All heavy atoms as atom14 arrays in JSON, in Angstrom:
{
  "sequence": "VETFGTSKISYDKIIDIINDVFDLRPAAIIEQLNLRRPI",
  "atom14_mask": [
    [1, 1, 1, 1, 1, 1, 1, 0, 0, 0, 0, 0, 0, 0],
    [1, 1, 1, 1, 1, 1, 1, 1, 1, 0, 0, 0, 0, 0],
    [1, 1, 1, 1, 1, 1, 1, 0, 0, 0, 0, 0, 0, 0],
    [1, 1, 1, 1, 1, 1, 1, 1, 1, 1, 1, 0, 0, 0],
    [1, 1, 1, 1, 0, 0, 0, 0, 0, 0, 0, 0, 0, 0],
    [1, 1, 1, 1, 1, 1, 1, 0, 0, 0, 0, 0, 0, 0],
    [1, 1, 1, 1, 1, 1, 0, 0, 0, 0, 0, 0, 0, 0],
    [1, 1, 1, 1, 1, 1, 1, 1, 1, 0, 0, 0, 0, 0],
    [1, 1, 1, 1, 1, 1, 1, 1, 0, 0, 0, 0, 0, 0],
    [1, 1, 1, 1, 1, 1, 0, 0, 0, 0, 0, 0, 0, 0],
    [1, 1, 1, 1, 1, 1, 1, 1, 1, 1, 1, 1, 0, 0],
    [1, 1, 1, 1, 1, 1, 1, 1, 0, 0, 0, 0, 0, 0],
    [1, 1, 1, 1, 1, 1, 1, 1, 1, 0, 0, 0, 0, 0],
    [1, 1, 1, 1, 1, 1, 1, 1, 0, 0, 0, 0, 0, 0],
    [1, 1, 1, 1, 1, 1, 1, 1, 0, 0, 0, 0, 0, 0],
    [1, 1, 1, 1, 1, 1, 1, 1, 0, 0, 0, 0, 0, 0],
    [1, 1, 1, 1, 1, 1, 1, 1, 0, 0, 0, 0, 0, 0],
    [1, 1, 1, 1, 1, 1, 1, 1, 0, 0, 0, 0, 0, 0],
    [1, 1, 1, 1, 1, 1, 1, 1, 0, 0, 0, 0, 0, 0],
    [1, 1, 1, 1, 1, 1, 1, 1, 0, 0, 0, 0, 0, 0],
    [1, 1, 1, 1, 1, 1, 1, 0, 0, 0, 0, 0, 0, 0],
    [1, 1, 1, 1, 1, 1, 1, 1, 1, 1, 1, 0, 0, 0],
    [1, 1, 1, 1, 1, 1, 1, 1, 0, 0, 0, 0, 0, 0],
    [1, 1, 1, 1, 1, 1, 1, 1, 0, 0, 0, 0, 0, 0],
    [1, 1, 1, 1, 1, 1, 1, 1, 1, 1, 1, 0, 0, 0],
    [1, 1, 1, 1, 1, 1, 1, 0, 0, 0, 0, 0, 0, 0],
    [1, 1, 1, 1, 1, 0, 0, 0, 0, 0, 0, 0, 0, 0],
    [1, 1, 1, 1, 1, 0, 0, 0, 0, 0, 0, 0, 0, 0],
    [1, 1, 1, 1, 1, 1, 1, 1, 0, 0, 0, 0, 0, 0],
    [1, 1, 1, 1, 1, 1, 1, 1, 0, 0, 0, 0, 0, 0],
    [1, 1, 1, 1, 1, 1, 1, 1, 1, 0, 0, 0, 0, 0],
    [1, 1, 1, 1, 1, 1, 1, 1, 1, 0, 0, 0, 0, 0],
    [1, 1, 1, 1, 1, 1, 1, 1, 0, 0, 0, 0, 0, 0],
    [1, 1, 1, 1, 1, 1, 1, 1, 0, 0, 0, 0, 0, 0],
    [1, 1, 1, 1, 1, 1, 1, 1, 0, 0, 0, 0, 0, 0],
    [1, 1, 1, 1, 1, 1, 1, 1, 1, 1, 1, 0, 0, 0],
    [1, 1, 1, 1, 1, 1, 1, 1, 1, 1, 1, 0, 0, 0],
    [1, 1, 1, 1, 1, 1, 1, 0, 0, 0, 0, 0, 0, 0],
    [1, 1, 1, 1, 1, 1, 1, 1, 0, 0, 0, 0, 0, 0]
  ],
  "atom14_positions": [
    [[0.84, -1.19, 0.0], [0.0, 0.0, 0.0], [0.88, 1.24, 0.0], [1.91, 1.28, 0.68], [-0.92, 0.04, 1.25], [-1.85, 1.25, 1.2], [-1.72, -1.24, 1.38], [0.0, 0.0, 0.0], [0.0, 0.0, 0.0], [0.0, 0.0, 0.0], [0.0, 0.0, 0.0], [0.0, 0.0, 0.0], [0.0, 0.0, 0.0], [0.0, 0.0, 0.0]],
    [[0.47, 2.26, -0.75], [1.11, 3.57, -0.7], [0.02, 4.63, -0.56], [-0.9, 4.69, -1.38], [1.92, 3.82, -1.97], [2.57, 5.19, -2.04], [3.52, 5.45, -0.88], [4.64, 4.89, -0.9], [3.12, 6.19, 0.04], [0.0, 0.0, 0.0], [0.0, 0.0, 0.0], [0.0, 0.0, 0.0], [0.0, 0.0, 0.0], [0.0, 0.0, 0.0]],
    [[0.1, 5.44, 0.49], [-0.9, 6.49, 0.72], [-0.32, 7.89, 0.57], [-1.01, 8.87, 0.8], [-1.52, 6.36, 2.13], [-0.5, 6.56, 3.12], [-2.17, 4.99, 2.32], [0.0, 0.0, 0.0], [0.0, 0.0, 0.0], [0.0, 0.0, 0.0], [0.0, 0.0, 0.0], [0.0, 0.0, 0.0], [0.0, 0.0, 0.0], [0.0, 0.0, 0.0]],
    [[0.95, 8.0, 0.19], [1.6, 9.28, -0.09], [1.47, 10.26, 1.07], [1.24, 11.46, 0.89], [1.02, 9.89, -1.38], [1.09, 8.94, -2.54], [-0.01, 8.15, -2.88], [2.25, 8.79, -3.28], [0.06, 7.25, -3.94], [2.32, 7.89, -4.33], [1.22, 7.11, -4.66], [0.0, 0.0, 0.0], [0.0, 0.0, 0.0], [0.0, 0.0, 0.0]],
    [[1.58, 9.72, 2.28], [1.55, 10.56, 3.47], [0.18, 11.01, 3.91], [0.06, 11.86, 4.8], [0.0, 0.0, 0.0], [0.0, 0.0, 0.0], [0.0, 0.0, 0.0], [0.0, 0.0, 0.0], [0.0, 0.0, 0.0], [0.0, 0.0, 0.0], [0.0, 0.0, 0.0], [0.0, 0.0, 0.0], [0.0, 0.0, 0.0], [0.0, 0.0, 0.0]],
    [[-0.89, 10.46, 3.32], [-2.25, 10.91, 3.65], [-3.0, 9.94, 4.57], [-4.16, 10.17, 4.88], [-3.1, 11.11, 2.37], [-3.34, 9.84, 1.75], [-2.39, 12.04, 1.4], [0.0, 0.0, 0.0], [0.0, 0.0, 0.0], [0.0, 0.0, 0.0], [0.0, 0.0, 0.0], [0.0, 0.0, 0.0], [0.0, 0.0, 0.0], [0.0, 0.0, 0.0]],
    [[-2.34, 8.88, 5.02], [-3.02, 7.88, 5.83], [-3.3, 8.4, 7.24], [-2.5, 9.12, 7.83], [-2.18, 6.61, 5.92], [-2.77, 5.68, 6.8], [0.0, 0.0, 0.0], [0.0, 0.0, 0.0], [0.0, 0.0, 0.0], [0.0, 0.0, 0.0], [0.0, 0.0, 0.0], [0.0, 0.0, 0.0], [0.0, 0.0, 0.0], [0.0, 0.0, 0.0]],
    [[-4.46, 7.99, 7.77], [-4.83, 8.34, 9.14], [-4.39, 7.27, 10.14], [-4.5, 7.48, 11.35], [-6.36, 8.51, 9.23], [-7.01, 9.32, 8.12], [-6.46, 10.73, 7.97], [-7.32, 11.56, 7.01], [-7.26, 11.13, 5.61], [0.0, 0.0, 0.0], [0.0, 0.0, 0.0], [0.0, 0.0, 0.0], [0.0, 0.0, 0.0], [0.0, 0.0, 0.0]],
    [[-3.94, 6.12, 9.66], [-3.51, 5.02, 10.52], [-2.19, 4.48, 10.01], [-1.71, 4.87, 8.94], [-4.57, 3.89, 10.59], [-4.82, 3.32, 9.19], [-5.86, 4.4, 11.2], [-5.79, 2.13, 9.18], [0.0, 0.0, 0.0], [0.0, 0.0, 0.0], [0.0, 0.0, 0.0], [0.0, 0.0, 0.0], [0.0, 0.0, 0.0], [0.0, 0.0, 0.0]],
    [[-1.58, 3.57, 10.75], [-0.27, 3.06, 10.38], [-0.35, 2.13, 9.17], [-1.41, 1.55, 8.87], [0.35, 2.29, 11.56], [-0.34, 1.07, 11.77], [0.0, 0.0, 0.0], [0.0, 0.0, 0.0], [0.0, 0.0, 0.0], [0.0, 0.0, 0.0], [0.0, 0.0, 0.0], [0.0, 0.0, 0.0], [0.0, 0.0, 0.0], [0.0, 0.0, 0.0]],
    [[0.8, 1.98, 8.51], [0.89, 1.06, 7.36], [0.52, -0.36, 7.78], [-0.25, -1.04, 7.08], [2.32, 1.09, 6.8], [2.53, 0.14, 5.64], [2.26, 0.54, 4.34], [3.0, -1.16, 5.84], [2.45, -0.32, 3.27], [3.19, -2.02, 4.78], [2.91, -1.6, 3.49], [3.08, -2.46, 2.44], [0.0, 0.0, 0.0], [0.0, 0.0, 0.0]],
    [[1.07, -0.83, 8.89], [0.79, -2.2, 9.34], [-0.69, -2.41, 9.59], [-1.24, -3.48, 9.3], [1.59, -2.51, 10.6], [3.08, -2.62, 10.34], [3.46, -2.81, 9.17], [3.88, -2.52, 11.3], [0.0, 0.0, 0.0], [0.0, 0.0, 0.0], [0.0, 0.0, 0.0], [0.0, 0.0, 0.0], [0.0, 0.0, 0.0], [0.0, 0.0, 0.0]],
    [[-1.35, -1.39, 10.12], [-2.79, -1.5, 10.38], [-3.57, -1.62, 9.07], [-4.53, -2.4, 8.98], [-3.26, -0.26, 11.17], [-4.74, -0.28, 11.54], [-5.09, -1.37, 12.52], [-6.53, -1.24, 13.0], [-6.93, -2.35, 13.9], [0.0, 0.0, 0.0], [0.0, 0.0, 0.0], [0.0, 0.0, 0.0], [0.0, 0.0, 0.0], [0.0, 0.0, 0.0]],
    [[-3.16, -0.87, 8.05], [-3.84, -0.97, 6.75], [-3.7, -2.38, 6.18], [-4.67, -2.97, 5.69], [-3.28, 0.06, 5.76], [-3.53, 1.48, 6.26], [-3.94, -0.11, 4.38], [-2.88, 2.55, 5.4], [0.0, 0.0, 0.0], [0.0, 0.0, 0.0], [0.0, 0.0, 0.0], [0.0, 0.0, 0.0], [0.0, 0.0, 0.0], [0.0, 0.0, 0.0]],
    [[-2.49, -2.94, 6.24], [-2.26, -4.28, 5.72], [-3.12, -5.29, 6.5], [-3.72, -6.21, 5.91], [-0.77, -4.66, 5.8], [0.05, -3.78, 4.83], [-0.56, -6.14, 5.48], [-0.27, -3.98, 3.36], [0.0, 0.0, 0.0], [0.0, 0.0, 0.0], [0.0, 0.0, 0.0], [0.0, 0.0, 0.0], [0.0, 0.0, 0.0], [0.0, 0.0, 0.0]],
    [[-3.2, -5.14, 7.81], [-4.03, -6.04, 8.62], [-5.49, -5.96, 8.2], [-6.18, -6.98, 8.1], [-3.89, -5.7, 10.11], [-2.55, -6.11, 10.7], [-1.86, -6.95, 10.07], [-2.2, -5.59, 11.78], [0.0, 0.0, 0.0], [0.0, 0.0, 0.0], [0.0, 0.0, 0.0], [0.0, 0.0, 0.0], [0.0, 0.0, 0.0], [0.0, 0.0, 0.0]],
    [[-5.97, -4.75, 7.95], [-7.37, -4.57, 7.52], [-7.6, -5.25, 6.18], [-8.61, -5.94, 5.99], [-7.72, -3.07, 7.45], [-7.81, -2.47, 8.86], [-9.03, -2.85, 6.69], [-7.99, -0.96, 8.89], [0.0, 0.0, 0.0], [0.0, 0.0, 0.0], [0.0, 0.0, 0.0], [0.0, 0.0, 0.0], [0.0, 0.0, 0.0], [0.0, 0.0, 0.0]],
    [[-6.68, -5.06, 5.23], [-6.83, -5.69, 3.92], [-6.89, -7.21, 4.07], [-7.76, -7.87, 3.49], [-5.68, -5.29, 2.99], [-5.76, -3.79, 2.66], [-5.71, -6.11, 1.69], [-4.56, -3.26, 1.9], [0.0, 0.0, 0.0], [0.0, 0.0, 0.0], [0.0, 0.0, 0.0], [0.0, 0.0, 0.0], [0.0, 0.0, 0.0], [0.0, 0.0, 0.0]],
    [[-5.98, -7.77, 4.86], [-5.95, -9.22, 5.04], [-7.21, -9.74, 5.72], [-7.67, -10.85, 5.44], [-4.71, -9.61, 5.84], [-3.43, -9.43, 5.06], [-3.43, -9.48, 3.83], [-2.32, -9.22, 5.76], [0.0, 0.0, 0.0], [0.0, 0.0, 0.0], [0.0, 0.0, 0.0], [0.0, 0.0, 0.0], [0.0, 0.0, 0.0], [0.0, 0.0, 0.0]],
    [[-7.77, -8.95, 6.63], [-8.98, -9.38, 7.36], [-10.25, -9.24, 6.53], [-11.17, -10.06, 6.65], [-9.13, -8.55, 8.64], [-8.09, -8.89, 9.69], [-7.44, -9.95, 9.56], [-7.9, -8.08, 10.63], [0.0, 0.0, 0.0], [0.0, 0.0, 0.0], [0.0, 0.0, 0.0], [0.0, 0.0, 0.0], [0.0, 0.0, 0.0], [0.0, 0.0, 0.0]],
    [[-10.32, -8.23, 5.69], [-11.57, -7.88, 5.0], [-11.65, -8.48, 3.59], [-12.74, -8.84, 3.12], [-11.75, -6.35, 4.95], [-12.98, -5.95, 4.13], [-11.84, -5.77, 6.36], [0.0, 0.0, 0.0], [0.0, 0.0, 0.0], [0.0, 0.0, 0.0], [0.0, 0.0, 0.0], [0.0, 0.0, 0.0], [0.0, 0.0, 0.0], [0.0, 0.0, 0.0]],
    [[-10.52, -8.61, 2.91], [-10.53, -9.0, 1.5], [-9.79, -10.33, 1.3], [-8.69, -10.52, 1.82], [-9.87, -7.93, 0.64], [-10.55, -6.59, 0.68], [-10.12, -5.61, 1.56], [-11.6, -6.32, -0.16], [-10.74, -4.36, 1.61], [-12.23, -5.08, -0.13], [-11.8, -4.1, 0.76], [0.0, 0.0, 0.0], [0.0, 0.0, 0.0], [0.0, 0.0, 0.0]],
    [[-10.41, -11.22, 0.53], [-9.75, -12.45, 0.09], [-9.31, -12.22, -1.34], [-10.15, -12.11, -2.25], [-10.72, -13.63, 0.18], [-10.03, -14.98, -0.08], [-8.95, -14.98, -0.69], [-10.6, -16.01, 0.32], [0.0, 0.0, 0.0], [0.0, 0.0, 0.0], [0.0, 0.0, 0.0], [0.0, 0.0, 0.0], [0.0, 0.0, 0.0], [0.0, 0.0, 0.0]],
    [[-8.01, -12.14, -1.57], [-7.48, -11.75, -2.87], [-6.97, -12.93, -3.69], [-6.2, -12.75, -4.63], [-6.38, -10.71, -2.68], [-6.87, -9.4, -2.03], [-5.71, -8.45, -1.76], [-7.92, -8.73, -2.9], [0.0, 0.0, 0.0], [0.0, 0.0, 0.0], [0.0, 0.0, 0.0], [0.0, 0.0, 0.0], [0.0, 0.0, 0.0], [0.0, 0.0, 0.0]],
    [[-7.41, -14.14, -3.36], [-7.14, -15.29, -4.21], [-8.05, -15.22, -5.44], [-9.2, -14.77, -5.34], [-7.35, -16.59, -3.45], [-6.37, -16.8, -2.31], [-6.7, -18.02, -1.48], [-7.96, -17.85, -0.74], [-8.5, -18.79, 0.03], [-7.9, -19.97, 0.17], [-9.63, -18.55, 0.67], [0.0, 0.0, 0.0], [0.0, 0.0, 0.0], [0.0, 0.0, 0.0]],
    [[-7.57, -15.64, -6.62], [-8.36, -15.48, -7.85], [-9.78, -16.05, -7.76], [-10.74, -15.39, -8.18], [-7.53, -16.22, -8.91], [-6.13, -16.09, -8.42], [-6.21, -16.16, -6.92], [0.0, 0.0, 0.0], [0.0, 0.0, 0.0], [0.0, 0.0, 0.0], [0.0, 0.0, 0.0], [0.0, 0.0, 0.0], [0.0, 0.0, 0.0], [0.0, 0.0, 0.0]],
    [[-9.95, -17.25, -7.21], [-11.29, -17.84, -7.12], [-12.2, -17.01, -6.24], [-13.39, -16.84, -6.52], [-11.21, -19.27, -6.59], [0.0, 0.0, 0.0], [0.0, 0.0, 0.0], [0.0, 0.0, 0.0], [0.0, 0.0, 0.0], [0.0, 0.0, 0.0], [0.0, 0.0, 0.0], [0.0, 0.0, 0.0], [0.0, 0.0, 0.0], [0.0, 0.0, 0.0]],
    [[-11.65, -16.46, -5.15], [-12.44, -15.63, -4.25], [-12.83, -14.31, -4.92], [-13.98, -13.84, -4.78], [-11.67, -15.37, -2.96], [0.0, 0.0, 0.0], [0.0, 0.0, 0.0], [0.0, 0.0, 0.0], [0.0, 0.0, 0.0], [0.0, 0.0, 0.0], [0.0, 0.0, 0.0], [0.0, 0.0, 0.0], [0.0, 0.0, 0.0], [0.0, 0.0, 0.0]],
    [[-11.9, -13.72, -5.66], [-12.21, -12.49, -6.39], [-13.32, -12.74, -7.4], [-14.29, -11.96, -7.49], [-10.95, -11.96, -7.1], [-9.89, -11.52, -6.09], [-11.29, -10.8, -8.04], [-8.53, -11.23, -6.71], [0.0, 0.0, 0.0], [0.0, 0.0, 0.0], [0.0, 0.0, 0.0], [0.0, 0.0, 0.0], [0.0, 0.0, 0.0], [0.0, 0.0, 0.0]],
    [[-13.19, -13.82, -8.16], [-14.19, -14.15, -9.18], [-15.57, -14.32, -8.54], [-16.58, -13.82, -9.05], [-13.78, -15.43, -9.94], [-12.56, -15.14, -10.82], [-14.94, -15.96, -10.79], [-11.91, -16.38, -11.39], [0.0, 0.0, 0.0], [0.0, 0.0, 0.0], [0.0, 0.0, 0.0], [0.0, 0.0, 0.0], [0.0, 0.0, 0.0], [0.0, 0.0, 0.0]],
    [[-15.62, -14.99, -7.39], [-16.91, -15.23, -6.73], [-17.46, -13.95, -6.11], [-18.64, -13.62, -6.3], [-16.76, -16.3, -5.66], [-18.07, -16.6, -4.93], [-17.92, -17.68, -3.88], [-16.78, -18.03, -3.51], [-18.96, -18.18, -3.4], [0.0, 0.0, 0.0], [0.0, 0.0, 0.0], [0.0, 0.0, 0.0], [0.0, 0.0, 0.0], [0.0, 0.0, 0.0]],
    [[-16.63, -13.22, -5.37], [-17.11, -12.02, -4.67], [-17.57, -10.94, -5.64], [-18.55, -10.24, -5.37], [-15.99, -11.47, -3.78], [-15.64, -12.35, -2.6], [-14.39, -11.85, -1.89], [-14.48, -11.18, -0.86], [-13.22, -12.17, -2.44], [0.0, 0.0, 0.0], [0.0, 0.0, 0.0], [0.0, 0.0, 0.0], [0.0, 0.0, 0.0], [0.0, 0.0, 0.0]],
    [[-16.88, -10.8, -6.76], [-17.23, -9.77, -7.74], [-18.11, -10.31, -8.86], [-18.48, -9.56, -9.77], [-15.96, -9.15, -8.31], [-15.05, -8.45, -7.29], [-13.85, -7.82, -8.0], [-15.81, -7.38, -6.51], [0.0, 0.0, 0.0], [0.0, 0.0, 0.0], [0.0, 0.0, 0.0], [0.0, 0.0, 0.0], [0.0, 0.0, 0.0], [0.0, 0.0, 0.0]],
    [[-18.44, -11.61, -8.81], [-19.34, -12.23, -9.79], [-18.87, -11.94, -11.21], [-19.59, -11.37, -12.04], [-20.77, -11.71, -9.59], [-21.8, -12.53, -10.36], [-21.51, -13.63, -10.82], [-23.0, -11.99, -10.49], [0.0, 0.0, 0.0], [0.0, 0.0, 0.0], [0.0, 0.0, 0.0], [0.0, 0.0, 0.0], [0.0, 0.0, 0.0], [0.0, 0.0, 0.0]],
    [[-17.66, -12.37, -11.51], [-17.0, -12.0, -12.76], [-17.25, -12.96, -13.92], [-16.86, -12.65, -15.05], [-15.49, -11.87, -12.53], [-15.06, -10.78, -11.55], [-13.55, -10.75, -11.4], [-15.59, -9.41, -11.96], [0.0, 0.0, 0.0], [0.0, 0.0, 0.0], [0.0, 0.0, 0.0], [0.0, 0.0, 0.0], [0.0, 0.0, 0.0], [0.0, 0.0, 0.0]],
    [[-17.87, -14.09, -13.68], [-18.1, -15.04, -14.79], [-19.41, -14.73, -15.5], [-20.32, -15.56, -15.57], [-18.11, -16.48, -14.26], [-16.76, -16.97, -13.74], [-16.79, -18.46, -13.53], [-15.63, -18.99, -12.85], [-14.48, -19.34, -13.43], [-14.35, -19.19, -14.74], [-13.48, -19.84, -12.73], [0.0, 0.0, 0.0], [0.0, 0.0, 0.0], [0.0, 0.0, 0.0]],
    [[-19.53, -13.54, -16.02], [-20.73, -13.12, -16.74], [-20.35, -12.04, -17.76], [-19.29, -11.41, -17.65], [-21.81, -12.62, -15.78], [-21.36, -11.52, -14.84], [-22.3, -11.35, -13.65], [-21.76, -10.38, -12.72], [-22.24, -9.13, -12.57], [-23.27, -8.72, -13.31], [-21.7, -8.31, -11.7], [0.0, 0.0, 0.0], [0.0, 0.0, 0.0], [0.0, 0.0, 0.0]],
    [[-21.22, -11.82, -18.74], [-20.85, -10.92, -19.85], [-21.02, -9.44, -19.51], [-21.97, -8.78, -19.93], [-21.81, -11.36, -20.96], [-23.02, -11.88, -20.24], [-22.49, -12.53, -18.99], [0.0, 0.0, 0.0], [0.0, 0.0, 0.0], [0.0, 0.0, 0.0], [0.0, 0.0, 0.0], [0.0, 0.0, 0.0], [0.0, 0.0, 0.0], [0.0, 0.0, 0.0]],
    [[-20.07, -8.89, -18.79], [-20.14, -7.49, -18.35], [-18.99, -6.65, -18.91], [-18.83, -5.49, -18.52], [-20.1, -7.41, -16.81], [-18.83, -8.06, -16.25], [-21.35, -8.05, -16.21], [-18.65, -7.88, -14.75], [0.0, 0.0, 0.0], [0.0, 0.0, 0.0], [0.0, 0.0, 0.0], [0.0, 0.0, 0.0], [0.0, 0.0, 0.0], [0.0, 0.0, 0.0]]
  ]
}
């Protein structure tokens, strides 16, 4: 993550939030964003 000095919280906290909230494995992305359709 790069916030260019505009972050309100620490870098480590942002990474922890991303890991807790988002599953960034391809199958999870495809399912969460419903990508197997003609959009």
